[in-house]
Every structure is written in structure tokens, then in C-alpha cells.
Amino acid sequence: MDENSIKVVRVTTTEFELSDGRVYEHPIPLEYEEVPLPEAFQQFYDHWLHIWQTNHDKKTPNYI
């Protein structure tokens, strides 16, 4: 499955699930009132995935 086709299918106070079956815990649990719909959480997921992929491709100098 292409990373661009991964969708958020479920969001709870403690975790979220992707369309490929992966489940991730939130770093900080959400309050019930704060839980977004999957469509809204998708925007956060796409944003952070892009940042992670961009930074992951860069080489970090080794300062030893």
C-alpha cells in the first residue's frame, strides 16, 4: 500500500488506527471532548508524516 493512500480510520482518546491495520498510541492521551473525527485527524497525520519523511531523508552530521 502506498504511503499516500494510508487513511486514518479510527481515533480514540488513547490511540489511532490506519487503513493498513497499524495502531499507534497518542504520546499524550486525549480528553473525550478533544477526540477529532478521523477526517480531521488525517490532516495532522499527513502533516507530521510529511515532516518525518522530509527529515528522515536528510543526513545528519556525526558530531563525536
PDB file of N, CA and C in Angstrom:
ATOM      1  N   MET A   1       0.850  -1.182   0.000  1.00  0.00           N
ATOM      2  CA  MET A   1       0.000   0.000   0.000  1.00  0.00           C
ATOM      3  C   MET A   1       0.892   1.241   0.000  1.00  0.00           C
ATOM      4  N   ASP A   2       0.599   2.176  -0.860  1.00  0.00           N
ATOM      5  CA  ASP A   2       1.349   3.421  -0.980  1.00  0.00           C
ATOM      6  C   ASP A   2       1.098   4.294   0.249  1.00  0.00           C
ATOM      7  N   GLU A   3       2.158   4.942   0.766  1.00  0.00           N
ATOM      8  CA  GLU A   3       2.022   5.809   1.941  1.00  0.00           C
ATOM      9  C   GLU A   3       0.973   6.900   1.723  1.00  0.00           C
ATOM     10  N   ASN A   4       0.826   7.370   0.475  1.00  0.00           N
ATOM     11  CA  ASN A   4      -0.152   8.423   0.198  1.00  0.00           C
ATOM     12  C   ASN A   4      -1.582   7.926   0.283  1.00  0.00           C
ATOM     13  N   SER A   5      -1.790   6.615   0.217  1.00  0.00           N
ATOM     14  CA  SER A   5      -3.143   6.085   0.274  1.00  0.00           C
ATOM     15  C   SER A   5      -3.520   5.626   1.676  1.00  0.00           C
ATOM     16  N   ILE A   6      -2.618   5.756   2.651  1.00  0.00           N
ATOM     17  CA  ILE A   6      -2.910   5.381   4.032  1.00  0.00           C
ATOM     18  C   ILE A   6      -3.902   6.386   4.604  1.00  0.00           C
ATOM     19  N   LYS A   7      -4.970   5.879   5.183  1.00  0.00           N
ATOM     20  CA  LYS A   7      -6.002   6.735   5.761  1.00  0.00           C
ATOM     21  C   LYS A   7      -6.177   6.423   7.237  1.00  0.00           C
ATOM     22  N   VAL A   8      -6.517   7.439   8.003  1.00  0.00           N
ATOM     23  CA  VAL A   8      -6.869   7.267   9.404  1.00  0.00           C
ATOM     24  C   VAL A   8      -8.312   6.769   9.430  1.00  0.00           C
ATOM     25  N   VAL A   9      -8.534   5.619  10.069  1.00  0.00           N
ATOM     26  CA  VAL A   9      -9.880   5.041  10.074  1.00  0.00           C
ATOM     27  C   VAL A   9     -10.549   5.100  11.443  1.00  0.00           C
ATOM     28  N   ARG A  10      -9.739   5.290  12.514  1.00  0.00           N
ATOM     29  CA  ARG A  10     -10.319   5.317  13.857  1.00  0.00           C
ATOM     30  C   ARG A  10      -9.419   6.138  14.764  1.00  0.00           C
ATOM     31  N   VAL A  11     -10.056   6.971  15.598  1.00  0.00           N
ATOM     32  CA  VAL A  11      -9.329   7.775  16.577  1.00  0.00           C
ATOM     33  C   VAL A  11     -10.052   7.642  17.909  1.00  0.00           C
ATOM     34  N   THR A  12      -9.291   7.315  18.973  1.00  0.00           N
ATOM     35  CA  THR A  12      -9.859   7.248  20.321  1.00  0.00           C
ATOM     36  C   THR A  12      -9.069   8.188  21.222  1.00  0.00           C
ATOM     37  N   THR A  13      -9.375   8.164  22.498  1.00  0.00           N
ATOM     38  CA  THR A  13      -8.647   9.010  23.442  1.00  0.00           C
ATOM     39  C   THR A  13      -7.209   8.550  23.624  1.00  0.00           C
ATOM     40  N   THR A  14      -6.909   7.284  23.304  1.00  0.00           N
ATOM     41  CA  THR A  14      -5.570   6.744  23.565  1.00  0.00           C
ATOM     42  C   THR A  14      -4.791   6.346  22.326  1.00  0.00           C
ATOM     43  N   GLU A  15      -5.464   6.160  21.178  1.00  0.00           N
ATOM     44  CA  GLU A  15      -4.765   5.644  20.002  1.00  0.00           C
ATOM     45  C   GLU A  15      -5.479   6.031  18.714  1.00  0.00           C
ATOM     46  N   PHE A  16      -4.789   5.752  17.588  1.00  0.00           N
ATOM     47  CA  PHE A  16      -5.437   5.895  16.282  1.00  0.00           C
ATOM     48  C   PHE A  16      -5.040   4.713  15.415  1.00  0.00           C
ATOM     49  N   GLU A  17      -5.911   4.378  14.472  1.00  0.00           N
ATOM     50  CA  GLU A  17      -5.693   3.229  13.593  1.00  0.00           C
ATOM     51  C   GLU A  17      -5.672   3.688  12.145  1.00  0.00           C
ATOM     52  N   LEU A  18      -4.763   3.085  11.368  1.00  0.00           N
ATOM     53  CA  LEU A  18      -4.641   3.399   9.952  1.00  0.00           C
ATOM     54  C   LEU A  18      -5.296   2.313   9.111  1.00  0.00           C
ATOM     55  N   SER A  19      -5.567   2.626   7.855  1.00  0.00           N
ATOM     56  CA  SER A  19      -6.274   1.706   6.965  1.00  0.00           C
ATOM     57  C   SER A  19      -5.500   0.429   6.674  1.00  0.00           C
ATOM     58  N   ASP A  20      -4.195   0.416   6.936  1.00  0.00           N
ATOM     59  CA  ASP A  20      -3.419  -0.810   6.728  1.00  0.00           C
ATOM     60  C   ASP A  20      -3.348  -1.668   7.990  1.00  0.00           C
ATOM     61  N   GLY A  21      -4.086  -1.276   9.028  1.00  0.00           N
ATOM     62  CA  GLY A  21      -4.164  -2.068  10.249  1.00  0.00           C
ATOM     63  C   GLY A  21      -3.229  -1.636  11.361  1.00  0.00           C
ATOM     64  N   ARG A  22      -2.284  -0.746  11.068  1.00  0.00           N
ATOM     65  CA  ARG A  22      -1.375  -0.289  12.122  1.00  0.00           C
ATOM     66  C   ARG A  22      -2.135   0.566  13.136  1.00  0.00           C
ATOM     67  N   VAL A  23      -1.790   0.376  14.421  1.00  0.00           N
ATOM     68  CA  VAL A  23      -2.396   1.139  15.509  1.00  0.00           C
ATOM     69  C   VAL A  23      -1.273   1.804  16.292  1.00  0.00           C
ATOM     70  N   TYR A  24      -1.421   3.101  16.550  1.00  0.00           N
ATOM     71  CA  TYR A  24      -0.416   3.866  17.285  1.00  0.00           C
ATOM     72  C   TYR A  24      -1.065   4.538  18.488  1.00  0.00           C
ATOM     73  N   GLU A  25      -0.341   4.540  19.611  1.00  0.00           N
ATOM     74  CA  GLU A  25      -0.797   5.269  20.787  1.00  0.00           C
ATOM     75  C   GLU A  25      -0.473   6.748  20.616  1.00  0.00           C
ATOM     76  N   HIS A  26      -1.344   7.602  21.158  1.00  0.00           N
ATOM     77  CA  HIS A  26      -1.043   9.031  21.202  1.00  0.00           C
ATOM     78  C   HIS A  26       0.054   9.243  22.245  1.00  0.00           C
ATOM     79  N   PRO A  27       1.001  10.150  22.002  1.00  0.00           N
ATOM     80  CA  PRO A  27       2.032  10.418  23.013  1.00  0.00           C
ATOM     81  C   PRO A  27       1.426  10.935  24.317  1.00  0.00           C
ATOM     82  N   ILE A  28       0.347  11.692  24.182  1.00  0.00           N
ATOM     83  CA  ILE A  28      -0.385  12.207  25.340  1.00  0.00           C
ATOM     84  C   ILE A  28      -1.852  11.849  25.114  1.00  0.00           C
ATOM     85  N   PRO A  29      -2.473  11.107  26.039  1.00  0.00           N
ATOM     86  CA  PRO A  29      -3.885  10.756  25.850  1.00  0.00           C
ATOM     87  C   PRO A  29      -4.753  12.005  25.701  1.00  0.00           C
ATOM     88  N   LEU A  30      -5.768  11.885  24.869  1.00  0.00           N
ATOM     89  CA  LEU A  30      -6.692  12.992  24.634  1.00  0.00           C
ATOM     90  C   LEU A  30      -7.882  12.888  25.574  1.00  0.00           C
ATOM     91  N   GLU A  31      -8.469  14.017  25.892  1.00  0.00           N
ATOM     92  CA  GLU A  31      -9.732  14.025  26.622  1.00  0.00           C
ATOM     93  C   GLU A  31     -10.835  13.652  25.633  1.00  0.00           C
ATOM     94  N   TYR A  32     -11.922  13.101  26.135  1.00  0.00           N
ATOM     95  CA  TYR A  32     -13.011  12.670  25.264  1.00  0.00           C
ATOM     96  C   TYR A  32     -13.478  13.805  24.356  1.00  0.00           C
ATOM     97  N   GLU A  33     -13.555  15.016  24.905  1.00  0.00           N
ATOM     98  CA  GLU A  33     -14.024  16.171  24.126  1.00  0.00           C
ATOM     99  C   GLU A  33     -13.030  16.585  23.043  1.00  0.00           C
ATOM    100  N   GLU A  34     -11.776  16.142  23.154  1.00  0.00           N
ATOM    101  CA  GLU A  34     -10.728  16.541  22.217  1.00  0.00           C
ATOM    102  C   GLU A  34     -10.560  15.581  21.046  1.00  0.00           C
ATOM    103  N   VAL A  35     -11.224  14.430  21.075  1.00  0.00           N
ATOM    104  CA  VAL A  35     -11.018  13.411  20.042  1.00  0.00           C
ATOM    105  C   VAL A  35     -11.613  13.899  18.719  1.00  0.00           C
ATOM    106  N   PRO A  36     -10.761  14.097  17.702  1.00  0.00           N
ATOM    107  CA  PRO A  36     -11.265  14.565  16.410  1.00  0.00           C
ATOM    108  C   PRO A  36     -11.849  13.415  15.591  1.00  0.00           C
ATOM    109  N   LEU A  37     -12.617  13.754  14.594  1.00  0.00           N
ATOM    110  CA  LEU A  37     -13.075  12.754  13.635  1.00  0.00           C
ATOM    111  C   LEU A  37     -11.872  12.271  12.833  1.00  0.00           C
ATOM    112  N   PRO A  38     -11.929  11.050  12.304  1.00  0.00           N
ATOM    113  CA  PRO A  38     -10.798  10.550  11.514  1.00  0.00           C
ATOM    114  C   PRO A  38     -10.391  11.494  10.380  1.00  0.00           C
ATOM    115  N   GLU A  39     -11.364  12.130   9.742  1.00  0.00           N
ATOM    116  CA  GLU A  39     -11.056  13.032   8.636  1.00  0.00           C
ATOM    117  C   GLU A  39     -10.231  14.229   9.112  1.00  0.00           C
ATOM    118  N   ALA A  40     -10.548  14.751  10.285  1.00  0.00           N
ATOM    119  CA  ALA A  40      -9.791  15.880  10.829  1.00  0.00           C
ATOM    120  C   ALA A  40      -8.408  15.424  11.286  1.00  0.00           C
ATOM    121  N   PHE A  41      -8.326  14.245  11.912  1.00  0.00           N
ATOM    122  CA  PHE A  41      -7.035  13.730  12.372  1.00  0.00           C
ATOM    123  C   PHE A  41      -6.135  13.414  11.189  1.00  0.00           C
ATOM    124  N   GLN A  42      -6.719  13.073  10.037  1.00  0.00           N
ATOM    125  CA  GLN A  42      -5.955  12.776   8.825  1.00  0.00           C
ATOM    126  C   GLN A  42      -5.055  13.955   8.453  1.00  0.00           C
ATOM    127  N   GLN A  43      -5.544  15.171   8.635  1.00  0.00           N
ATOM    128  CA  GLN A  43      -4.741  16.353   8.313  1.00  0.00           C
ATOM    129  C   GLN A  43      -3.498  16.423   9.192  1.00  0.00           C
ATOM    130  N   PHE A  44      -3.638  16.143  10.489  1.00  0.00           N
ATOM    131  CA  PHE A  44      -2.479  16.117  11.394  1.00  0.00           C
ATOM    132  C   PHE A  44      -1.521  15.001  10.996  1.00  0.00           C
ATOM    133  N   TYR A  45      -2.071  13.828  10.709  1.00  0.00           N
ATOM    134  CA  TYR A  45      -1.241  12.680  10.340  1.00  0.00           C
ATOM    135  C   TYR A  45      -0.437  12.990   9.074  1.00  0.00           C
ATOM    136  N   ASP A  46      -1.103  13.507   8.047  1.00  0.00           N
ATOM    137  CA  ASP A  46      -0.416  13.829   6.789  1.00  0.00           C
ATOM    138  C   ASP A  46       0.678  14.876   7.007  1.00  0.00           C
ATOM    139  N   HIS A  47       0.391  15.885   7.813  1.00  0.00           N
ATOM    140  CA  HIS A  47       1.360  16.947   8.099  1.00  0.00           C
ATOM    141  C   HIS A  47       2.610  16.373   8.762  1.00  0.00           C
ATOM    142  N   TRP A  48       2.440  15.593   9.817  1.00  0.00           N
ATOM    143  CA  TRP A  48       3.592  15.056  10.543  1.00  0.00           C
ATOM    144  C   TRP A  48       4.299  13.969   9.757  1.00  0.00           C
ATOM    145  N   LEU A  49       3.571  13.206   8.958  1.00  0.00           N
ATOM    146  CA  LEU A  49       4.214  12.208   8.103  1.00  0.00           C
ATOM    147  C   LEU A  49       5.133  12.899   7.100  1.00  0.00           C
ATOM    148  N   HIS A  50       4.674  14.000   6.522  1.00  0.00           N
ATOM    149  CA  HIS A  50       5.488  14.761   5.571  1.00  0.00           C
ATOM    150  C   HIS A  50       6.756  15.291   6.249  1.00  0.00           C
ATOM    151  N   ILE A  51       6.614  15.851   7.443  1.00  0.00           N
ATOM    152  CA  ILE A  51       7.783  16.364   8.172  1.00  0.00           C
ATOM    153  C   ILE A  51       8.748  15.234   8.473  1.00  0.00           C
ATOM    154  N   TRP A  52       8.247  14.114   8.948  1.00  0.00           N
ATOM    155  CA  TRP A  52       9.113  12.985   9.280  1.00  0.00           C
ATOM    156  C   TRP A  52       9.833  12.472   8.038  1.00  0.00           C
ATOM    157  N   GLN A  53       9.117  12.327   6.929  1.00  0.00           N
ATOM    158  CA  GLN A  53       9.738  11.827   5.705  1.00  0.00           C
ATOM    159  C   GLN A  53      10.786  12.807   5.188  1.00  0.00           C
ATOM    160  N   THR A  54      10.514  14.102   5.271  1.00  0.00           N
ATOM    161  CA  THR A  54      11.461  15.116   4.818  1.00  0.00           C
ATOM    162  C   THR A  54      12.729  15.078   5.657  1.00  0.00           C
ATOM    163  N   ASN A  55      12.578  15.015   6.973  1.00  0.00           N
ATOM    164  CA  ASN A  55      13.740  14.992   7.863  1.00  0.00           C
ATOM    165  C   ASN A  55      14.457  13.652   7.829  1.00  0.00           C
ATOM    166  N   HIS A  56      13.744  12.589   7.583  1.00  0.00           N
ATOM    167  CA  HIS A  56      14.340  11.254   7.540  1.00  0.00           C
ATOM    168  C   HIS A  56      15.288  11.126   6.347  1.00  0.00           C
ATOM    169  N   ASP A  57      14.989  11.836   5.270  1.00  0.00           N
ATOM    170  CA  ASP A  57      15.811  11.760   4.064  1.00  0.00           C
ATOM    171  C   ASP A  57      17.102  12.568   4.181  1.00  0.00           C
ATOM    172  N   LYS A  58      17.164  13.487   5.131  1.00  0.00           N
ATOM    173  CA  LYS A  58      18.361  14.312   5.301  1.00  0.00           C
ATOM    174  C   LYS A  58      19.403  13.543   6.102  1.00  0.00           C
ATOM    175  N   LYS A  59      20.653  13.763   5.772  1.00  0.00           N
ATOM    176  CA  LYS A  59      21.735  13.146   6.537  1.00  0.00           C
ATOM    177  C   LYS A  59      22.136  14.097   7.658  1.00  0.00           C
ATOM    178  N   THR A  60      22.288  13.552   8.842  1.00  0.00           N
ATOM    179  CA  THR A  60      22.701  14.333   9.990  1.00  0.00           C
ATOM    180  C   THR A  60      24.188  14.135  10.219  1.00  0.00           C
ATOM    181  N   PRO A  61      24.949  15.223  10.360  1.00  0.00           N
ATOM    182  CA  PRO A  61      26.385  15.063  10.607  1.00  0.00           C
ATOM    183  C   PRO A  61      26.623  14.379  11.948  1.00  0.00           C
ATOM    184  N   ASN A  62      27.696  13.627  12.017  1.00  0.00           N
ATOM    185  CA  ASN A  62      28.052  12.916  13.235  1.00  0.00           C
ATOM    186  C   ASN A  62      29.030  13.777  14.024  1.00  0.00           C
ATOM    187  N   TYR A  63      28.585  14.315  15.138  1.00  0.00           N
ATOM    188  CA  TYR A  63      29.419  15.178  15.975  1.00  0.00           C
ATOM    189  C   TYR A  63      29.957  14.384  17.151  1.00  0.00           C
ATOM    190  N   ILE A  64      31.015  13.642  16.936  1.00  0.00           N
ATOM    191  CA  ILE A  64      31.637  12.877  18.027  1.00  0.00           C
ATOM    192  C   ILE A  64      32.955  13.525  18.374  1.00  0.00           C
TER     193      ILE A  64
END
